[in-house]
């Protein structure tokens, strides 16, 4: 049986870093949300200062769906995957993206494990300010990070295998180990 782990959290929380640690613990392939976003975002404003065009996320959603369709059609029935998503509670697009992952897990007969990664505002601001993030088209704006922490909530859709994990004071390996233990407890 395979498992689809979805790491949900604000930019800078460490989704990809934790995914890399977790991937080695549960032998899983990592599919980062930037795989879907960057092919489109790289076509746009080079200095990343202009607002994104209104319909840009519909294109990234199509890329995501194509990847998920390929996974369910061609991956081994025992293959594990870790996905990342910066979902926000109350956002229709975030909920629709979440549902794409749920549907793919169902279609692939995989155990679906959504994991909400939370982090204190100050630590999140420190993490998001890393210059390396900008090179990968990741959000590096501290003020946007603070505002998001104060005004938004990480997507929280009830699911029998859901886990909420505060990673403020955990290393990526400690976080990955906690998630692995949860995945095992879910029967995957």
C-alpha atoms as a PDB file:
ATOM      1  CA  UNK A   1       0.000   0.000   0.000  1.00  0.00           C
ATOM      2  CA  UNK A   2       1.269   3.467  -0.799  1.00  0.00           C
ATOM      3  CA  UNK A   3       0.991   6.704   1.138  1.00  0.00           C
ATOM      4  CA  UNK A   4       0.473  10.265  -0.083  1.00  0.00           C
ATOM      5  CA  UNK A   5       1.674  12.763   2.523  1.00  0.00           C
ATOM      6  CA  UNK A   6       0.629  16.363   1.950  1.00  0.00           C
ATOM      7  CA  UNK A   7       2.688  18.923   3.876  1.00  0.00           C
ATOM      8  CA  UNK A   8       0.660  22.101   4.313  1.00  0.00           C
ATOM      9  CA  UNK A   9       2.144  25.319   5.630  1.00  0.00           C
ATOM     10  CA  UNK A  10       2.961  28.937   5.013  1.00  0.00           C
ATOM     11  CA  UNK A  11       5.993  29.854   2.909  1.00  0.00           C
ATOM     12  CA  UNK A  12       9.164  29.470   4.954  1.00  0.00           C
ATOM     13  CA  UNK A  13       7.801  26.876   7.389  1.00  0.00           C
ATOM     14  CA  UNK A  14      10.158  24.259   5.954  1.00  0.00           C
ATOM     15  CA  UNK A  15       7.870  22.095   3.844  1.00  0.00           C
ATOM     16  CA  UNK A  16      10.537  21.087   1.320  1.00  0.00           C
ATOM     17  CA  UNK A  17      13.284  20.695   3.926  1.00  0.00           C
ATOM     18  CA  UNK A  18      11.065  18.445   6.053  1.00  0.00           C
ATOM     19  CA  UNK A  19       9.911  16.581   2.928  1.00  0.00           C
ATOM     20  CA  UNK A  20      13.532  15.758   2.099  1.00  0.00           C
ATOM     21  CA  UNK A  21      14.113  14.329   5.579  1.00  0.00           C
ATOM     22  CA  UNK A  22      10.803  12.451   5.532  1.00  0.00           C
ATOM     23  CA  UNK A  23      11.460  11.107   2.045  1.00  0.00           C
ATOM     24  CA  UNK A  24      14.479   9.206   3.282  1.00  0.00           C
ATOM     25  CA  UNK A  25      12.580   7.873   6.318  1.00  0.00           C
ATOM     26  CA  UNK A  26       9.611   6.455   4.395  1.00  0.00           C
ATOM     27  CA  UNK A  27      11.233   5.947   0.993  1.00  0.00           C
ATOM     28  CA  UNK A  28       9.083   8.479  -0.843  1.00  0.00           C
ATOM     29  CA  UNK A  29       9.354  10.684  -3.896  1.00  0.00           C
ATOM     30  CA  UNK A  30       8.997  14.398  -3.221  1.00  0.00           C
ATOM     31  CA  UNK A  31       6.793  16.559  -5.417  1.00  0.00           C
ATOM     32  CA  UNK A  32       7.256  20.169  -4.312  1.00  0.00           C
ATOM     33  CA  UNK A  33       4.596  22.771  -5.092  1.00  0.00           C
ATOM     34  CA  UNK A  34       7.229  24.756  -6.998  1.00  0.00           C
ATOM     35  CA  UNK A  35       7.311  21.973  -9.594  1.00  0.00           C
ATOM     36  CA  UNK A  36       3.826  23.174 -10.551  1.00  0.00           C
ATOM     37  CA  UNK A  37       4.311  26.893 -10.017  1.00  0.00           C
ATOM     38  CA  UNK A  38       7.756  27.679 -11.391  1.00  0.00           C
ATOM     39  CA  UNK A  39       7.247  26.648 -15.035  1.00  0.00           C
ATOM     40  CA  UNK A  40       4.577  29.346 -15.223  1.00  0.00           C
ATOM     41  CA  UNK A  41       6.085  31.891 -12.809  1.00  0.00           C
ATOM     42  CA  UNK A  42       9.431  31.865 -14.657  1.00  0.00           C
ATOM     43  CA  UNK A  43       7.598  33.121 -17.747  1.00  0.00           C
ATOM     44  CA  UNK A  44       6.447  36.238 -15.929  1.00  0.00           C
ATOM     45  CA  UNK A  45       8.105  39.234 -14.278  1.00  0.00           C
ATOM     46  CA  UNK A  46      11.825  38.512 -13.929  1.00  0.00           C
ATOM     47  CA  UNK A  47      12.402  40.790 -10.926  1.00  0.00           C
ATOM     48  CA  UNK A  48       9.264  39.466  -9.171  1.00  0.00           C
ATOM     49  CA  UNK A  49       7.900  42.922  -8.396  1.00  0.00           C
ATOM     50  CA  UNK A  50       4.803  43.066 -10.598  1.00  0.00           C
ATOM     51  CA  UNK A  51       1.572  41.561  -9.286  1.00  0.00           C
ATOM     52  CA  UNK A  52       0.809  38.135 -10.676  1.00  0.00           C
ATOM     53  CA  UNK A  53      -1.835  38.022 -13.413  1.00  0.00           C
ATOM     54  CA  UNK A  54      -5.256  37.033 -12.122  1.00  0.00           C
ATOM     55  CA  UNK A  55      -5.527  33.681 -13.922  1.00  0.00           C
ATOM     56  CA  UNK A  56      -1.964  32.430 -13.384  1.00  0.00           C
ATOM     57  CA  UNK A  57      -2.935  29.862 -10.740  1.00  0.00           C
ATOM     58  CA  UNK A  58      -5.346  28.134 -13.133  1.00  0.00           C
ATOM     59  CA  UNK A  59      -2.327  27.231 -15.271  1.00  0.00           C
ATOM     60  CA  UNK A  60      -0.351  25.890 -12.321  1.00  0.00           C
ATOM     61  CA  UNK A  61      -3.419  23.865 -11.340  1.00  0.00           C
ATOM     62  CA  UNK A  62      -3.413  22.248 -14.775  1.00  0.00           C
ATOM     63  CA  UNK A  63       0.251  21.318 -14.387  1.00  0.00           C
ATOM     64  CA  UNK A  64      -0.461  19.875 -10.925  1.00  0.00           C
ATOM     65  CA  UNK A  65      -3.325  17.798 -12.316  1.00  0.00           C
ATOM     66  CA  UNK A  66      -1.172  16.456 -15.148  1.00  0.00           C
ATOM     67  CA  UNK A  67       1.516  15.382 -12.662  1.00  0.00           C
ATOM     68  CA  UNK A  68      -1.046  13.742 -10.369  1.00  0.00           C
ATOM     69  CA  UNK A  69      -2.645  11.956 -13.330  1.00  0.00           C
ATOM     70  CA  UNK A  70       0.762  10.623 -14.394  1.00  0.00           C
ATOM     71  CA  UNK A  71       1.486   9.438 -10.840  1.00  0.00           C
ATOM     72  CA  UNK A  72      -1.795   7.548 -10.572  1.00  0.00           C
ATOM     73  CA  UNK A  73      -1.433   6.084 -14.074  1.00  0.00           C
ATOM     74  CA  UNK A  74       2.213   5.045 -14.030  1.00  0.00           C
ATOM     75  CA  UNK A  75       3.657   4.789 -10.524  1.00  0.00           C
ATOM     76  CA  UNK A  76       3.991   1.505  -8.672  1.00  0.00           C
ATOM     77  CA  UNK A  77       1.038   0.649  -6.406  1.00  0.00           C
ATOM     78  CA  UNK A  78       3.485   0.700  -3.473  1.00  0.00           C
ATOM     79  CA  UNK A  79       5.141   4.049  -4.320  1.00  0.00           C
ATOM     80  CA  UNK A  80       5.053   6.716  -1.633  1.00  0.00           C
ATOM     81  CA  UNK A  81       4.824  10.430  -2.388  1.00  0.00           C
ATOM     82  CA  UNK A  82       5.260  13.609  -0.381  1.00  0.00           C
ATOM     83  CA  UNK A  83       3.610  16.748  -1.724  1.00  0.00           C
ATOM     84  CA  UNK A  84       3.863  20.319  -0.496  1.00  0.00           C
ATOM     85  CA  UNK A  85       1.208  23.031  -0.590  1.00  0.00           C
ATOM     86  CA  UNK A  86       0.911  26.494   0.971  1.00  0.00           C
ATOM     87  CA  UNK A  87      -2.830  26.212   1.546  1.00  0.00           C
ATOM     88  CA  UNK A  88      -4.769  28.920   3.365  1.00  0.00           C
ATOM     89  CA  UNK A  89      -7.995  28.350   5.289  1.00  0.00           C
ATOM     90  CA  UNK A  90     -11.019  29.964   3.620  1.00  0.00           C
ATOM     91  CA  UNK A  91      -9.335  30.214   0.202  1.00  0.00           C
ATOM     92  CA  UNK A  92     -11.306  28.450  -2.532  1.00  0.00           C
ATOM     93  CA  UNK A  93      -8.227  27.767  -4.664  1.00  0.00           C
ATOM     94  CA  UNK A  94      -6.409  26.202  -1.680  1.00  0.00           C
ATOM     95  CA  UNK A  95      -9.356  23.898  -1.008  1.00  0.00           C
ATOM     96  CA  UNK A  96      -9.550  22.949  -4.687  1.00  0.00           C
ATOM     97  CA  UNK A  97      -5.819  22.145  -4.716  1.00  0.00           C
ATOM     98  CA  UNK A  98      -6.202  20.043  -1.560  1.00  0.00           C
ATOM     99  CA  UNK A  99      -9.009  18.124  -3.251  1.00  0.00           C
ATOM    100  CA  UNK A 100      -6.750  17.345  -6.223  1.00  0.00           C
ATOM    101  CA  UNK A 101      -4.406  15.530  -3.826  1.00  0.00           C
ATOM    102  CA  UNK A 102      -7.265  13.710  -2.070  1.00  0.00           C
ATOM    103  CA  UNK A 103      -8.675  12.569  -5.415  1.00  0.00           C
ATOM    104  CA  UNK A 104      -5.267  11.357  -6.616  1.00  0.00           C
ATOM    105  CA  UNK A 105      -4.744   9.374  -3.408  1.00  0.00           C
ATOM    106  CA  UNK A 106      -8.184   7.810  -3.803  1.00  0.00           C
ATOM    107  CA  UNK A 107      -7.551   6.980  -7.440  1.00  0.00           C
ATOM    108  CA  UNK A 108      -4.163   5.463  -6.564  1.00  0.00           C
ATOM    109  CA  UNK A 109      -5.581   3.558  -3.552  1.00  0.00           C
ATOM    110  CA  UNK A 110      -3.048   5.363  -1.332  1.00  0.00           C
ATOM    111  CA  UNK A 111      -3.384   6.299   2.313  1.00  0.00           C
ATOM    112  CA  UNK A 112      -3.749  10.083   2.383  1.00  0.00           C
ATOM    113  CA  UNK A 113      -2.054  11.890   5.289  1.00  0.00           C
ATOM    114  CA  UNK A 114      -2.429  15.694   5.424  1.00  0.00           C
ATOM    115  CA  UNK A 115       0.061  17.375   7.773  1.00  0.00           C
ATOM    116  CA  UNK A 116      -0.334  21.005   8.849  1.00  0.00           C
ATOM    117  CA  UNK A 117       3.030  22.562   9.689  1.00  0.00           C
ATOM    118  CA  UNK A 118       2.777  25.543  12.016  1.00  0.00           C
ATOM    119  CA  UNK A 119       5.498  27.980  13.069  1.00  0.00           C
ATOM    120  CA  UNK A 120       5.589  31.029  15.339  1.00  0.00           C
ATOM    121  CA  UNK A 121       5.512  34.371  13.526  1.00  0.00           C
ATOM    122  CA  UNK A 122       9.037  35.530  14.459  1.00  0.00           C
ATOM    123  CA  UNK A 123      10.661  32.235  13.517  1.00  0.00           C
ATOM    124  CA  UNK A 124       8.695  32.098  10.273  1.00  0.00           C
ATOM    125  CA  UNK A 125       9.850  35.638   9.407  1.00  0.00           C
ATOM    126  CA  UNK A 126      13.448  34.625  10.091  1.00  0.00           C
ATOM    127  CA  UNK A 127      13.153  31.551   7.891  1.00  0.00           C
ATOM    128  CA  UNK A 128      11.396  33.294   5.020  1.00  0.00           C
ATOM    129  CA  UNK A 129      14.109  35.986   4.814  1.00  0.00           C
ATOM    130  CA  UNK A 130      16.737  33.537   3.545  1.00  0.00           C
ATOM    131  CA  UNK A 131      18.261  34.920   0.300  1.00  0.00           C
ATOM    132  CA  UNK A 132      18.394  31.417  -1.195  1.00  0.00           C
ATOM    133  CA  UNK A 133      14.581  31.352  -1.303  1.00  0.00           C
ATOM    134  CA  UNK A 134      14.451  34.125  -3.914  1.00  0.00           C
ATOM    135  CA  UNK A 135      16.613  32.095  -6.330  1.00  0.00           C
ATOM    136  CA  UNK A 136      13.939  29.387  -6.332  1.00  0.00           C
ATOM    137  CA  UNK A 137      11.062  31.852  -6.859  1.00  0.00           C
ATOM    138  CA  UNK A 138       9.991  31.400  -3.243  1.00  0.00           C
ATOM    139  CA  UNK A 139       8.489  34.176  -1.154  1.00  0.00           C
ATOM    140  CA  UNK A 140      11.202  36.034   0.780  1.00  0.00           C
ATOM    141  CA  UNK A 141       9.213  39.074   1.949  1.00  0.00           C
ATOM    142  CA  UNK A 142       9.286  39.308   5.737  1.00  0.00           C
ATOM    143  CA  UNK A 143       6.396  41.790   5.978  1.00  0.00           C
ATOM    144  CA  UNK A 144       4.160  39.584   3.840  1.00  0.00           C
ATOM    145  CA  UNK A 145       5.113  36.646   6.048  1.00  0.00           C
ATOM    146  CA  UNK A 146       4.219  38.577   9.219  1.00  0.00           C
ATOM    147  CA  UNK A 147       0.935  39.755   7.745  1.00  0.00           C
ATOM    148  CA  UNK A 148       0.022  36.217   6.645  1.00  0.00           C
ATOM    149  CA  UNK A 149       0.829  34.870  10.138  1.00  0.00           C
ATOM    150  CA  UNK A 150      -1.405  37.497  11.741  1.00  0.00           C
ATOM    151  CA  UNK A 151      -4.336  37.346   9.336  1.00  0.00           C
ATOM    152  CA  UNK A 152      -4.498  33.833   7.901  1.00  0.00           C
ATOM    153  CA  UNK A 153      -4.626  30.232   9.052  1.00  0.00           C
ATOM    154  CA  UNK A 154      -2.976  27.220   7.424  1.00  0.00           C
ATOM    155  CA  UNK A 155      -5.557  25.146   5.573  1.00  0.00           C
ATOM    156  CA  UNK A 156      -7.352  22.866   8.026  1.00  0.00           C
ATOM    157  CA  UNK A 157      -9.730  20.451   6.330  1.00  0.00           C
ATOM    158  CA  UNK A 158     -10.877  17.651   8.662  1.00  0.00           C
ATOM    159  CA  UNK A 159      -9.467  14.260   7.724  1.00  0.00           C
ATOM    160  CA  UNK A 160      -9.161  11.021   9.687  1.00  0.00           C
ATOM    161  CA  UNK A 161      -5.371  10.936   9.164  1.00  0.00           C
ATOM    162  CA  UNK A 162      -4.691  14.654   9.718  1.00  0.00           C
ATOM    163  CA  UNK A 163      -1.777  15.790  11.855  1.00  0.00           C
ATOM    164  CA  UNK A 164      -0.989  19.310  13.043  1.00  0.00           C
ATOM    165  CA  UNK A 165       2.647  19.792  13.991  1.00  0.00           C
ATOM    166  CA  UNK A 166       4.277  22.921  15.408  1.00  0.00           C
ATOM    167  CA  UNK A 167       7.788  22.996  13.921  1.00  0.00           C
ATOM    168  CA  UNK A 168       8.923  26.257  15.549  1.00  0.00           C
ATOM    169  CA  UNK A 169      11.460  24.550  17.795  1.00  0.00           C
ATOM    170  CA  UNK A 170      11.862  21.220  15.989  1.00  0.00           C
ATOM    171  CA  UNK A 171      14.636  20.395  13.587  1.00  0.00           C
ATOM    172  CA  UNK A 172      13.607  19.145  10.151  1.00  0.00           C
ATOM    173  CA  UNK A 173      14.698  15.630  11.140  1.00  0.00           C
ATOM    174  CA  UNK A 174      12.666  15.745  14.380  1.00  0.00           C
ATOM    175  CA  UNK A 175       9.643  16.962  12.410  1.00  0.00           C
ATOM    176  CA  UNK A 176      10.101  14.247   9.793  1.00  0.00           C
ATOM    177  CA  UNK A 177      10.400  11.566  12.471  1.00  0.00           C
ATOM    178  CA  UNK A 178       7.153  12.729  14.110  1.00  0.00           C
ATOM    179  CA  UNK A 179       5.398  12.627  10.744  1.00  0.00           C
ATOM    180  CA  UNK A 180       6.815   9.167   9.979  1.00  0.00           C
ATOM    181  CA  UNK A 181       5.514   7.885  13.311  1.00  0.00           C
ATOM    182  CA  UNK A 182       2.084   9.345  12.515  1.00  0.00           C
ATOM    183  CA  UNK A 183       2.090   7.768   9.029  1.00  0.00           C
ATOM    184  CA  UNK A 184       2.875   4.381  10.573  1.00  0.00           C
ATOM    185  CA  UNK A 185       0.059   4.860  13.118  1.00  0.00           C
ATOM    186  CA  UNK A 186      -2.320   5.549  10.200  1.00  0.00           C
ATOM    187  CA  UNK A 187      -1.606   2.077   8.903  1.00  0.00           C
ATOM    188  CA  UNK A 188       0.573   3.031   5.975  1.00  0.00           C
END
